[in-house]
């Protein structure tokens, strides 16, 4: 599996299953009872594969699979790698705060220009927030790099589970 270099913090993939979706879901359900290397949770047509708690770090990824029938005869698998939902929520919250403060600083700059007041502080705050956004983005990229080996292990586990169920 190729993890691309483009601007994606949560890589996605799609593939045809080549088997009935019920059989694939059953294979993951069986693995959830016997697997020691990963934690597998199955809910309806969704499968979550995680690293066990004792081996997790802050950037540990999880793999979310959605197995569905695109047509009657063509079941598909949609996969999404990402950090734990708690980490992702924190990250999105920080991005939202930075974006909101950037807009507020832009309004502050506009008001100061309109009132012929000094504009240095709004400009400094906007530049600082822009730099903060880049730091958050690159922290996310570094986090993805830190979890790359685990992402590949999760993907191999998924592949092996699907191969053994054929």
N, C-alpha and C. Protein backbone atom coordinates (compact mmCIF):
# COMPACT_ATOMS: atom_id res chain seq x y z
N UNK A 1 0.85 -1.18 0.00
CA UNK A 1 0.00 0.00 0.00
C UNK A 1 0.88 1.24 0.00
N UNK A 2 0.58 2.15 -0.86
CA UNK A 2 1.31 3.40 -0.96
C UNK A 2 0.61 4.47 -0.15
N UNK A 3 1.32 5.04 0.82
CA UNK A 3 0.79 6.18 1.56
C UNK A 3 1.31 7.42 0.87
N UNK A 4 0.44 8.13 0.23
CA UNK A 4 0.84 9.22 -0.66
C UNK A 4 1.45 10.39 0.10
N UNK A 5 2.12 11.23 -0.66
CA UNK A 5 2.78 12.40 -0.10
C UNK A 5 1.91 13.65 -0.24
N UNK A 6 0.69 13.51 -0.73
CA UNK A 6 -0.15 14.70 -0.91
C UNK A 6 -0.71 15.17 0.43
N UNK A 7 -1.52 16.22 0.40
CA UNK A 7 -1.98 16.88 1.61
C UNK A 7 -3.17 16.14 2.22
N UNK A 8 -2.93 14.95 2.72
CA UNK A 8 -4.00 14.16 3.32
C UNK A 8 -3.50 13.67 4.67
N UNK A 9 -4.18 14.08 5.73
CA UNK A 9 -3.78 13.62 7.06
C UNK A 9 -4.47 12.31 7.42
N UNK A 10 -5.59 12.02 6.77
CA UNK A 10 -6.32 10.78 7.02
C UNK A 10 -6.48 10.03 5.70
N UNK A 11 -5.49 9.19 5.34
CA UNK A 11 -5.54 8.49 4.06
C UNK A 11 -6.75 7.58 3.93
N UNK A 12 -7.30 7.53 2.72
CA UNK A 12 -8.47 6.71 2.41
C UNK A 12 -8.11 5.78 1.26
N UNK A 13 -8.85 4.67 1.17
CA UNK A 13 -8.71 3.78 0.04
C UNK A 13 -10.04 3.09 -0.21
N UNK A 14 -10.21 2.63 -1.46
CA UNK A 14 -11.41 1.92 -1.88
C UNK A 14 -10.96 0.68 -2.64
N UNK A 15 -11.72 -0.41 -2.51
CA UNK A 15 -11.41 -1.60 -3.30
C UNK A 15 -12.63 -2.48 -3.42
N UNK A 16 -12.66 -3.25 -4.50
CA UNK A 16 -13.70 -4.26 -4.67
C UNK A 16 -13.34 -5.43 -3.77
N UNK A 17 -14.32 -6.03 -3.15
CA UNK A 17 -14.07 -7.13 -2.24
C UNK A 17 -13.82 -8.45 -2.96
N UNK A 18 -14.60 -8.73 -3.97
CA UNK A 18 -14.44 -10.00 -4.65
C UNK A 18 -15.06 -11.17 -3.89
N UNK A 19 -15.86 -10.89 -2.91
CA UNK A 19 -16.57 -11.89 -2.12
C UNK A 19 -17.81 -11.22 -1.55
N UNK A 20 -18.78 -12.00 -1.10
CA UNK A 20 -19.97 -11.38 -0.50
C UNK A 20 -19.59 -10.58 0.75
N UNK A 21 -20.26 -9.46 0.94
CA UNK A 21 -19.94 -8.61 2.09
C UNK A 21 -20.18 -9.32 3.41
N UNK A 22 -21.19 -10.20 3.47
CA UNK A 22 -21.47 -10.95 4.71
C UNK A 22 -20.29 -11.84 5.09
N UNK A 23 -19.66 -12.44 4.07
CA UNK A 23 -18.50 -13.32 4.32
C UNK A 23 -17.32 -12.51 4.88
N UNK A 24 -17.10 -11.34 4.32
CA UNK A 24 -16.01 -10.48 4.80
C UNK A 24 -16.28 -10.02 6.22
N UNK A 25 -17.51 -9.60 6.50
CA UNK A 25 -17.85 -9.18 7.87
C UNK A 25 -17.71 -10.34 8.85
N UNK A 26 -18.08 -11.53 8.42
CA UNK A 26 -17.95 -12.71 9.26
C UNK A 26 -16.47 -13.01 9.57
N UNK A 27 -15.60 -12.81 8.58
CA UNK A 27 -14.16 -13.03 8.79
C UNK A 27 -13.62 -12.06 9.84
N UNK A 28 -14.02 -10.81 9.79
CA UNK A 28 -13.56 -9.84 10.79
C UNK A 28 -14.17 -10.13 12.16
N UNK A 29 -15.40 -10.60 12.18
CA UNK A 29 -16.05 -10.98 13.45
C UNK A 29 -15.29 -12.14 14.10
N UNK A 30 -14.87 -13.10 13.30
CA UNK A 30 -14.08 -14.23 13.81
C UNK A 30 -12.74 -13.74 14.34
N UNK A 31 -12.09 -12.85 13.60
CA UNK A 31 -10.81 -12.31 14.04
C UNK A 31 -10.94 -11.52 15.34
N UNK A 32 -12.07 -10.88 15.55
CA UNK A 32 -12.25 -10.08 16.76
C UNK A 32 -12.23 -10.94 18.01
N UNK A 33 -12.58 -12.21 17.86
CA UNK A 33 -12.60 -13.12 19.01
C UNK A 33 -11.26 -13.79 19.27
N UNK A 34 -10.42 -13.91 18.22
CA UNK A 34 -9.19 -14.68 18.37
C UNK A 34 -7.91 -13.85 18.28
N UNK A 35 -7.95 -12.69 17.68
CA UNK A 35 -6.74 -11.91 17.42
C UNK A 35 -6.18 -11.29 18.70
N UNK A 36 -4.87 -11.44 18.90
CA UNK A 36 -4.19 -10.85 20.04
C UNK A 36 -3.41 -9.58 19.67
N UNK A 37 -3.09 -9.43 18.38
CA UNK A 37 -2.25 -8.32 17.93
C UNK A 37 -3.01 -7.02 17.71
N UNK A 38 -4.31 -7.12 17.45
CA UNK A 38 -5.13 -5.95 17.18
C UNK A 38 -6.47 -6.10 17.88
N UNK A 39 -7.11 -4.96 18.11
CA UNK A 39 -8.46 -4.95 18.66
C UNK A 39 -9.40 -4.71 17.49
N UNK A 40 -10.29 -5.67 17.24
CA UNK A 40 -11.21 -5.59 16.11
C UNK A 40 -12.63 -5.45 16.66
N UNK A 41 -13.32 -4.40 16.22
CA UNK A 41 -14.71 -4.18 16.63
C UNK A 41 -15.57 -4.13 15.37
N UNK A 42 -16.67 -4.86 15.40
CA UNK A 42 -17.59 -4.88 14.26
C UNK A 42 -18.95 -4.35 14.72
N UNK A 43 -19.43 -3.34 14.01
CA UNK A 43 -20.74 -2.76 14.28
C UNK A 43 -21.44 -2.60 12.94
N UNK A 44 -22.53 -3.35 12.75
CA UNK A 44 -23.25 -3.37 11.48
C UNK A 44 -22.29 -3.68 10.34
N UNK A 45 -22.17 -2.79 9.37
CA UNK A 45 -21.25 -3.02 8.26
C UNK A 45 -19.96 -2.18 8.40
N UNK A 46 -19.64 -1.81 9.64
CA UNK A 46 -18.41 -1.07 9.94
C UNK A 46 -17.48 -1.95 10.76
N UNK A 47 -16.19 -1.88 10.44
CA UNK A 47 -15.18 -2.63 11.18
C UNK A 47 -14.11 -1.63 11.61
N UNK A 48 -13.75 -1.66 12.89
CA UNK A 48 -12.70 -0.80 13.43
C UNK A 48 -11.56 -1.69 13.88
N UNK A 49 -10.36 -1.42 13.38
CA UNK A 49 -9.17 -2.18 13.77
C UNK A 49 -8.23 -1.21 14.44
N UNK A 50 -7.88 -1.53 15.70
CA UNK A 50 -7.03 -0.63 16.50
C UNK A 50 -5.83 -1.39 17.04
N UNK A 51 -4.84 -0.63 17.46
CA UNK A 51 -3.68 -1.15 18.17
C UNK A 51 -4.11 -1.37 19.62
N UNK A 52 -3.66 -2.46 20.27
CA UNK A 52 -4.03 -2.65 21.69
C UNK A 52 -3.55 -1.48 22.56
N UNK A 53 -4.29 -1.20 23.62
CA UNK A 53 -4.01 -0.05 24.50
C UNK A 53 -2.57 -0.03 24.99
N UNK A 54 -2.03 -1.18 25.37
CA UNK A 54 -0.68 -1.21 25.95
C UNK A 54 0.41 -0.84 24.95
N UNK A 55 0.10 -0.93 23.65
CA UNK A 55 1.09 -0.62 22.61
C UNK A 55 0.82 0.73 21.94
N UNK A 56 -0.24 1.41 22.33
CA UNK A 56 -0.61 2.67 21.68
C UNK A 56 0.26 3.82 22.16
N UNK A 57 0.46 4.77 21.28
CA UNK A 57 1.03 6.06 21.64
C UNK A 57 0.07 7.13 21.14
N UNK A 58 0.39 8.39 21.37
CA UNK A 58 -0.53 9.49 21.05
C UNK A 58 -0.96 9.45 19.58
N UNK A 59 -0.04 9.11 18.67
CA UNK A 59 -0.33 9.16 17.25
C UNK A 59 -0.74 7.81 16.67
N UNK A 60 -1.01 6.82 17.50
CA UNK A 60 -1.38 5.50 16.98
C UNK A 60 -2.64 5.60 16.10
N UNK A 61 -2.56 5.03 14.90
CA UNK A 61 -3.72 5.10 14.00
C UNK A 61 -4.72 3.99 14.29
N UNK A 62 -5.88 4.15 13.71
CA UNK A 62 -6.86 3.08 13.67
C UNK A 62 -7.34 3.00 12.23
N UNK A 63 -7.87 1.86 11.87
CA UNK A 63 -8.39 1.65 10.52
C UNK A 63 -9.88 1.42 10.61
N UNK A 64 -10.64 2.26 9.94
CA UNK A 64 -12.10 2.13 9.89
C UNK A 64 -12.46 1.61 8.51
N UNK A 65 -13.11 0.45 8.48
CA UNK A 65 -13.55 -0.14 7.22
C UNK A 65 -15.06 -0.10 7.15
N UNK A 66 -15.56 0.24 5.98
CA UNK A 66 -16.99 0.16 5.73
C UNK A 66 -17.17 -0.81 4.58
N UNK A 67 -17.90 -1.88 4.84
CA UNK A 67 -18.14 -2.90 3.84
C UNK A 67 -19.59 -2.78 3.40
N UNK A 68 -19.79 -2.51 2.12
CA UNK A 68 -21.15 -2.28 1.64
C UNK A 68 -21.29 -2.81 0.22
N UNK A 69 -22.51 -2.97 -0.21
CA UNK A 69 -22.79 -3.44 -1.57
C UNK A 69 -23.05 -2.22 -2.46
N UNK A 70 -22.11 -1.97 -3.37
CA UNK A 70 -22.28 -0.86 -4.31
C UNK A 70 -23.42 -1.19 -5.27
N UNK A 71 -23.46 -2.43 -5.72
CA UNK A 71 -24.57 -2.94 -6.51
C UNK A 71 -24.88 -4.33 -5.95
N UNK A 72 -25.86 -4.99 -6.51
CA UNK A 72 -26.24 -6.32 -6.02
C UNK A 72 -25.07 -7.30 -6.08
N UNK A 73 -24.29 -7.22 -7.15
CA UNK A 73 -23.23 -8.22 -7.36
C UNK A 73 -21.83 -7.68 -7.08
N UNK A 74 -21.72 -6.46 -6.60
CA UNK A 74 -20.39 -5.87 -6.43
C UNK A 74 -20.21 -5.26 -5.04
N UNK A 75 -19.78 -6.07 -4.06
CA UNK A 75 -19.50 -5.49 -2.74
C UNK A 75 -18.17 -4.73 -2.76
N UNK A 76 -18.13 -3.63 -2.01
CA UNK A 76 -16.92 -2.80 -1.94
C UNK A 76 -16.51 -2.56 -0.50
N UNK A 77 -15.25 -2.20 -0.36
CA UNK A 77 -14.68 -1.90 0.94
C UNK A 77 -14.13 -0.48 0.87
N UNK A 78 -14.48 0.33 1.85
CA UNK A 78 -13.98 1.70 1.95
C UNK A 78 -13.18 1.77 3.24
N UNK A 79 -11.91 2.17 3.16
CA UNK A 79 -11.05 2.24 4.34
C UNK A 79 -10.60 3.65 4.63
N UNK A 80 -10.45 3.95 5.91
CA UNK A 80 -10.00 5.27 6.35
C UNK A 80 -9.05 5.10 7.53
N UNK A 81 -7.83 5.56 7.36
CA UNK A 81 -6.86 5.58 8.45
C UNK A 81 -6.99 6.91 9.17
N UNK A 82 -6.84 6.89 10.47
CA UNK A 82 -6.87 8.13 11.22
C UNK A 82 -6.45 7.90 12.65
N UNK A 83 -6.19 8.98 13.36
CA UNK A 83 -5.86 8.84 14.78
C UNK A 83 -7.11 8.46 15.56
N UNK A 84 -6.96 8.25 16.82
CA UNK A 84 -8.13 7.94 17.64
C UNK A 84 -9.10 9.12 17.56
N UNK A 85 -10.39 8.87 17.73
CA UNK A 85 -11.35 9.97 17.63
C UNK A 85 -11.08 11.11 18.61
N UNK A 86 -10.54 10.80 19.78
CA UNK A 86 -10.23 11.85 20.75
C UNK A 86 -9.14 12.77 20.23
N UNK A 87 -8.08 12.19 19.68
CA UNK A 87 -6.97 12.99 19.13
C UNK A 87 -7.47 13.81 17.95
N UNK A 88 -8.27 13.19 17.07
CA UNK A 88 -8.78 13.91 15.89
C UNK A 88 -9.67 15.07 16.31
N UNK A 89 -10.52 14.87 17.31
CA UNK A 89 -11.40 15.93 17.78
C UNK A 89 -10.58 17.09 18.36
N UNK A 90 -9.56 16.77 19.15
CA UNK A 90 -8.68 17.80 19.71
C UNK A 90 -8.02 18.58 18.58
N UNK A 91 -7.52 17.87 17.59
CA UNK A 91 -6.84 18.52 16.48
C UNK A 91 -7.79 19.45 15.71
N UNK A 92 -8.98 19.00 15.44
CA UNK A 92 -9.95 19.82 14.72
C UNK A 92 -10.40 21.01 15.57
N UNK A 93 -10.53 20.82 16.88
CA UNK A 93 -10.88 21.91 17.78
C UNK A 93 -9.79 22.99 17.74
N UNK A 94 -8.53 22.58 17.79
CA UNK A 94 -7.44 23.55 17.74
C UNK A 94 -7.43 24.30 16.40
N UNK A 95 -7.68 23.59 15.30
CA UNK A 95 -7.77 24.26 14.00
C UNK A 95 -8.92 25.26 13.98
N UNK A 96 -10.05 24.88 14.55
CA UNK A 96 -11.20 25.77 14.60
C UNK A 96 -10.89 27.03 15.41
N UNK A 97 -10.24 26.87 16.55
CA UNK A 97 -9.88 28.01 17.40
C UNK A 97 -8.92 28.95 16.65
N UNK A 98 -7.90 28.38 15.99
CA UNK A 98 -6.94 29.20 15.25
C UNK A 98 -7.65 29.94 14.12
N UNK A 99 -8.53 29.27 13.39
CA UNK A 99 -9.25 29.92 12.28
C UNK A 99 -10.15 31.04 12.80
N UNK A 100 -10.83 30.79 13.91
CA UNK A 100 -11.71 31.81 14.49
C UNK A 100 -10.91 33.02 14.94
N UNK A 101 -9.81 32.79 15.62
CA UNK A 101 -8.96 33.90 16.07
C UNK A 101 -8.35 34.66 14.90
N UNK A 102 -8.05 33.95 13.81
CA UNK A 102 -7.52 34.61 12.62
C UNK A 102 -8.57 35.56 12.04
N UNK A 103 -9.82 35.11 11.98
CA UNK A 103 -10.90 35.96 11.46
C UNK A 103 -11.11 37.17 12.38
N UNK A 104 -11.08 36.92 13.68
CA UNK A 104 -11.23 38.02 14.65
C UNK A 104 -10.09 39.02 14.48
N UNK A 105 -8.86 38.52 14.28
CA UNK A 105 -7.72 39.43 14.07
C UNK A 105 -7.88 40.22 12.78
N UNK A 106 -8.44 39.59 11.75
CA UNK A 106 -8.70 40.31 10.50
C UNK A 106 -9.70 41.42 10.70
N UNK A 107 -10.74 41.16 11.49
CA UNK A 107 -11.73 42.20 11.80
C UNK A 107 -11.08 43.32 12.61
N UNK A 108 -10.25 42.94 13.56
CA UNK A 108 -9.53 43.91 14.39
C UNK A 108 -8.64 44.78 13.51
N UNK A 109 -7.96 44.16 12.54
CA UNK A 109 -7.10 44.91 11.62
C UNK A 109 -7.95 45.90 10.81
N UNK A 110 -9.07 45.45 10.29
CA UNK A 110 -9.94 46.32 9.49
C UNK A 110 -10.44 47.51 10.32
N UNK A 111 -10.86 47.24 11.54
CA UNK A 111 -11.36 48.31 12.41
C UNK A 111 -10.24 49.31 12.70
N UNK A 112 -9.05 48.83 13.00
CA UNK A 112 -7.94 49.73 13.29
C UNK A 112 -7.55 50.57 12.07
N UNK A 113 -7.62 49.96 10.89
CA UNK A 113 -7.33 50.73 9.67
C UNK A 113 -8.41 51.80 9.48
N UNK A 114 -9.66 51.43 9.70
CA UNK A 114 -10.78 52.38 9.52
C UNK A 114 -10.70 53.54 10.51
N UNK A 115 -10.21 53.28 11.72
CA UNK A 115 -10.15 54.31 12.75
C UNK A 115 -8.78 54.99 12.84
N UNK A 116 -7.91 54.70 11.88
CA UNK A 116 -6.55 55.26 11.87
C UNK A 116 -5.81 54.98 13.18
N UNK A 117 -5.94 53.79 13.68
CA UNK A 117 -5.23 53.34 14.88
C UNK A 117 -4.02 52.51 14.43
N UNK A 118 -3.09 52.24 15.36
CA UNK A 118 -1.93 51.40 14.99
C UNK A 118 -2.39 49.99 14.58
N UNK A 119 -1.74 49.46 13.54
CA UNK A 119 -2.16 48.15 13.02
C UNK A 119 -1.12 47.06 13.28
N UNK A 120 -0.09 47.37 14.03
CA UNK A 120 0.98 46.39 14.24
C UNK A 120 0.49 45.16 15.01
N UNK A 121 -0.30 45.34 16.07
CA UNK A 121 -0.74 44.20 16.89
C UNK A 121 -1.67 43.26 16.12
N UNK A 122 -2.65 43.77 15.37
CA UNK A 122 -3.47 42.83 14.58
C UNK A 122 -2.65 42.07 13.53
N UNK A 123 -1.69 42.75 12.92
CA UNK A 123 -0.86 42.07 11.91
C UNK A 123 0.00 41.01 12.57
N UNK A 124 0.59 41.33 13.71
CA UNK A 124 1.41 40.34 14.43
C UNK A 124 0.56 39.15 14.85
N UNK A 125 -0.64 39.41 15.32
CA UNK A 125 -1.50 38.29 15.74
C UNK A 125 -1.91 37.44 14.54
N UNK A 126 -2.20 38.05 13.39
CA UNK A 126 -2.56 37.28 12.21
C UNK A 126 -1.39 36.43 11.71
N UNK A 127 -0.21 36.99 11.70
CA UNK A 127 0.98 36.23 11.29
C UNK A 127 1.25 35.10 12.28
N UNK A 128 1.11 35.39 13.57
CA UNK A 128 1.32 34.34 14.59
C UNK A 128 0.31 33.20 14.43
N UNK A 129 -0.92 33.54 14.16
CA UNK A 129 -1.95 32.51 13.98
C UNK A 129 -1.71 31.71 12.71
N UNK A 130 -1.24 32.38 11.66
CA UNK A 130 -0.90 31.68 10.42
C UNK A 130 0.23 30.69 10.67
N UNK A 131 1.24 31.12 11.41
CA UNK A 131 2.35 30.22 11.75
C UNK A 131 1.86 29.08 12.63
N UNK A 132 0.97 29.38 13.57
CA UNK A 132 0.39 28.34 14.42
C UNK A 132 -0.34 27.30 13.59
N UNK A 133 -1.09 27.76 12.58
CA UNK A 133 -1.78 26.81 11.71
C UNK A 133 -0.79 25.89 11.00
N UNK A 134 0.33 26.44 10.50
CA UNK A 134 1.34 25.60 9.86
C UNK A 134 1.95 24.61 10.85
N UNK A 135 2.19 25.05 12.07
CA UNK A 135 2.74 24.15 13.10
C UNK A 135 1.76 23.00 13.35
N UNK A 136 0.47 23.31 13.46
CA UNK A 136 -0.53 22.25 13.66
C UNK A 136 -0.56 21.29 12.47
N UNK A 137 -0.49 21.84 11.28
CA UNK A 137 -0.51 20.99 10.09
C UNK A 137 0.71 20.06 10.07
N UNK A 138 1.89 20.61 10.30
CA UNK A 138 3.10 19.77 10.26
C UNK A 138 3.16 18.81 11.44
N UNK A 139 2.56 19.18 12.57
CA UNK A 139 2.46 18.22 13.68
C UNK A 139 1.61 17.03 13.26
N UNK A 140 0.54 17.30 12.53
CA UNK A 140 -0.30 16.22 12.01
C UNK A 140 0.45 15.35 11.02
N UNK A 141 1.24 15.97 10.16
CA UNK A 141 2.06 15.20 9.20
C UNK A 141 3.09 14.35 9.93
N UNK A 142 3.72 14.93 10.96
CA UNK A 142 4.70 14.15 11.74
C UNK A 142 4.01 13.00 12.47
N UNK A 143 2.82 13.26 12.95
CA UNK A 143 2.05 12.21 13.61
C UNK A 143 1.71 11.09 12.66
N UNK A 144 1.36 11.43 11.44
CA UNK A 144 1.08 10.40 10.44
C UNK A 144 2.34 9.59 10.16
N UNK A 145 3.48 10.27 10.06
CA UNK A 145 4.74 9.56 9.85
C UNK A 145 5.07 8.65 11.03
N UNK A 146 4.78 9.10 12.25
CA UNK A 146 5.06 8.30 13.44
C UNK A 146 4.20 7.04 13.46
N UNK A 147 3.03 7.09 12.87
CA UNK A 147 2.14 5.93 12.86
C UNK A 147 2.17 5.13 11.57
N UNK A 148 3.12 5.43 10.69
CA UNK A 148 3.16 4.79 9.37
C UNK A 148 3.35 3.27 9.47
N UNK A 149 4.26 2.82 10.32
CA UNK A 149 4.49 1.37 10.47
C UNK A 149 3.23 0.68 10.98
N UNK A 150 2.55 1.33 11.91
CA UNK A 150 1.32 0.76 12.44
C UNK A 150 0.22 0.75 11.37
N UNK A 151 0.18 1.80 10.53
CA UNK A 151 -0.80 1.83 9.44
C UNK A 151 -0.57 0.66 8.49
N UNK A 152 0.68 0.41 8.17
CA UNK A 152 0.99 -0.70 7.28
C UNK A 152 0.64 -2.04 7.93
N UNK A 153 0.88 -2.17 9.23
CA UNK A 153 0.52 -3.40 9.95
C UNK A 153 -1.00 -3.60 9.95
N UNK A 154 -1.75 -2.53 10.18
CA UNK A 154 -3.21 -2.61 10.13
C UNK A 154 -3.69 -3.03 8.74
N UNK A 155 -3.08 -2.46 7.71
CA UNK A 155 -3.47 -2.78 6.34
C UNK A 155 -3.16 -4.25 6.02
N UNK A 156 -1.96 -4.72 6.43
CA UNK A 156 -1.60 -6.12 6.20
C UNK A 156 -2.55 -7.07 6.92
N UNK A 157 -2.94 -6.70 8.15
CA UNK A 157 -3.89 -7.51 8.90
C UNK A 157 -5.22 -7.60 8.15
N UNK A 158 -5.68 -6.46 7.63
CA UNK A 158 -6.92 -6.45 6.86
C UNK A 158 -6.79 -7.34 5.63
N UNK A 159 -5.69 -7.21 4.90
CA UNK A 159 -5.46 -8.02 3.71
C UNK A 159 -5.45 -9.51 4.05
N UNK A 160 -4.73 -9.89 5.10
CA UNK A 160 -4.65 -11.30 5.49
C UNK A 160 -6.01 -11.84 5.91
N UNK A 161 -6.77 -11.04 6.62
CA UNK A 161 -8.11 -11.47 7.04
C UNK A 161 -9.00 -11.71 5.83
N UNK A 162 -8.92 -10.82 4.85
CA UNK A 162 -9.75 -10.98 3.66
C UNK A 162 -9.28 -12.16 2.80
N UNK A 163 -7.95 -12.40 2.75
CA UNK A 163 -7.43 -13.53 1.97
C UNK A 163 -7.86 -14.86 2.57
N UNK A 164 -7.81 -14.95 3.89
CA UNK A 164 -8.14 -16.22 4.53
C UNK A 164 -9.62 -16.52 4.48
N UNK A 165 -10.45 -15.51 4.25
CA UNK A 165 -11.89 -15.74 4.20
C UNK A 165 -12.37 -16.14 2.81
N UNK A 166 -11.52 -16.07 1.81
CA UNK A 166 -11.94 -16.41 0.43
C UNK A 166 -12.13 -17.87 0.25
